[in-house]
Amino acid sequence: MMKIECPQCKKSFIWTDDMPVTGKCPESDCQWLYDVREQLKSNVEKKTTANRNAVLCPKCGEPVHSRLTVCRNCGNLVIGSRTFEKKQLWLVVVLMLLLISLIARLKGYL
């Protein structure tokens, strides 16, 4: 099964395996001739060019929206080319806040 969109009448139809490989658009007014091989090539071309520019999660390989996000598939935090679990992020934030407060107290004593 494959969805084919007619460039002339702008209607789409589903091609099934029992239909001929080449044929006329199912719309009665349209004279466009489809070729499943050409449609398959164009569909594959569209998907590969779209995926070539996609940013992938370093852990699971699924596409993510940006380099600083949470992956919807594995749930890890993606920062650049690294992933972190959410627990690790909270631990780092707490340690940094403790370090900042310790430095602020030491400056107060000096």
Protein backbone atom coordinates (compact mmCIF):
# COMPACT_ATOMS: atom_id res chain seq x y z
CA MET A 1 0.00 0.00 0.00
CA MET A 2 1.20 3.47 -0.83
CA LYS A 3 -0.44 6.87 -0.83
CA ILE A 4 -0.11 8.68 -4.17
CA GLU A 5 -1.05 12.32 -4.70
CA CYS A 6 -2.01 13.40 -8.18
CA PRO A 7 -0.18 16.59 -9.22
CA GLN A 8 -2.98 17.62 -11.60
CA CYS A 9 -6.18 17.21 -9.61
CA LYS A 10 -4.44 17.40 -6.17
CA LYS A 11 -6.41 14.40 -4.90
CA SER A 12 -4.72 11.45 -3.25
CA PHE A 13 -5.48 7.75 -3.45
CA ILE A 14 -4.12 4.56 -1.98
CA TRP A 15 -2.33 2.21 -4.34
CA THR A 16 -2.62 -1.45 -3.33
CA ASP A 17 -0.71 -4.48 -4.54
CA ASP A 18 -3.59 -5.74 -6.65
CA MET A 19 -3.64 -2.53 -8.73
CA PRO A 20 -1.47 -2.13 -11.85
CA VAL A 21 2.03 -0.64 -11.38
CA THR A 22 1.24 2.07 -13.93
CA GLY A 23 -2.17 3.48 -14.59
CA LYS A 24 -4.54 6.42 -14.79
CA CYS A 25 -5.58 8.57 -11.84
CA PRO A 26 -8.83 7.18 -10.35
CA GLU A 27 -10.57 10.58 -10.68
CA SER A 28 -12.85 10.53 -13.72
CA ASP A 29 -11.90 14.07 -14.90
CA CYS A 30 -8.14 13.61 -14.54
CA GLN A 31 -5.89 12.18 -17.26
CA TRP A 32 -2.68 11.92 -15.21
CA LEU A 33 -0.80 8.62 -15.46
CA TYR A 34 0.90 7.34 -12.32
CA ASP A 35 3.96 5.11 -12.07
CA VAL A 36 4.42 3.45 -8.69
CA ARG A 37 8.20 3.11 -9.16
CA GLU A 38 8.61 6.87 -9.70
CA GLN A 39 6.34 7.67 -6.75
CA LEU A 40 8.31 5.30 -4.53
CA LYS A 41 11.60 6.95 -5.55
CA SER A 42 10.24 10.43 -4.79
CA ASN A 43 8.83 9.29 -1.42
CA VAL A 44 12.15 7.74 -0.40
CA GLU A 45 14.01 10.85 -1.57
CA LYS A 46 11.77 13.12 0.54
CA LYS A 47 12.23 10.99 3.66
CA THR A 48 16.02 10.69 3.33
CA THR A 49 16.53 14.42 2.81
CA ALA A 50 14.27 15.17 5.80
CA ASN A 51 16.14 12.69 8.02
CA ARG A 52 19.56 13.85 6.87
CA ASN A 53 19.04 17.22 8.54
CA ALA A 54 17.37 15.80 11.66
CA VAL A 55 19.09 15.98 15.04
CA LEU A 56 19.27 12.54 16.65
CA CYS A 57 19.39 11.55 20.31
CA PRO A 58 22.88 10.19 21.05
CA LYS A 59 21.49 7.42 23.28
CA CYS A 60 18.53 5.96 21.38
CA GLY A 61 19.01 7.43 17.89
CA GLU A 62 15.51 8.87 17.60
CA PRO A 63 15.03 12.37 16.11
CA VAL A 64 14.85 15.24 18.63
CA HIS A 65 13.83 18.86 18.08
CA SER A 66 17.08 20.53 19.15
CA ARG A 67 20.40 19.96 20.86
CA LEU A 68 18.98 21.11 24.22
CA THR A 69 15.82 19.13 24.89
CA VAL A 70 14.35 16.05 26.53
CA CYS A 71 14.14 13.02 24.24
CA ARG A 72 10.54 11.81 23.96
CA ASN A 73 11.66 8.24 23.33
CA CYS A 74 14.16 7.54 26.13
CA GLY A 75 13.37 10.49 28.45
CA ASN A 76 16.99 11.59 28.81
CA LEU A 77 18.14 15.20 28.66
CA VAL A 78 20.03 15.89 25.41
CA ILE A 79 22.72 18.56 25.66
CA GLY A 80 24.78 18.80 22.51
CA SER A 81 26.16 15.36 21.70
CA ARG A 82 25.66 14.00 25.25
CA THR A 83 22.70 12.66 27.16
CA PHE A 84 22.03 12.81 30.87
CA GLU A 85 19.38 11.25 33.04
CA LYS A 86 17.13 13.70 34.83
CA LYS A 87 18.42 12.45 38.21
CA GLN A 88 21.97 13.37 37.22
CA LEU A 89 20.90 16.87 36.21
CA TRP A 90 19.27 17.53 39.60
CA LEU A 91 22.36 16.26 41.37
CA VAL A 92 24.61 18.60 39.37
CA VAL A 93 22.32 21.59 40.02
CA VAL A 94 22.24 20.89 43.78
CA LEU A 95 26.02 20.51 43.93
CA MET A 96 26.56 23.73 42.00
CA LEU A 97 24.21 25.64 44.32
CA LEU A 98 26.05 24.26 47.34
CA LEU A 99 29.38 25.29 45.84
CA ILE A 100 28.10 28.80 45.09
CA SER A 101 26.75 29.21 48.63
CA LEU A 102 30.06 27.95 50.10
CA ILE A 103 32.01 30.47 48.01
CA ALA A 104 29.67 33.27 49.07
CA ARG A 105 30.14 32.40 52.77
CA LEU A 106 33.91 32.22 52.42
CA LYS A 107 34.01 35.65 50.77
CA GLY A 108 31.99 37.00 53.68
CA TYR A 109 34.61 35.78 56.15
CA LEU A 110 37.54 37.25 54.24
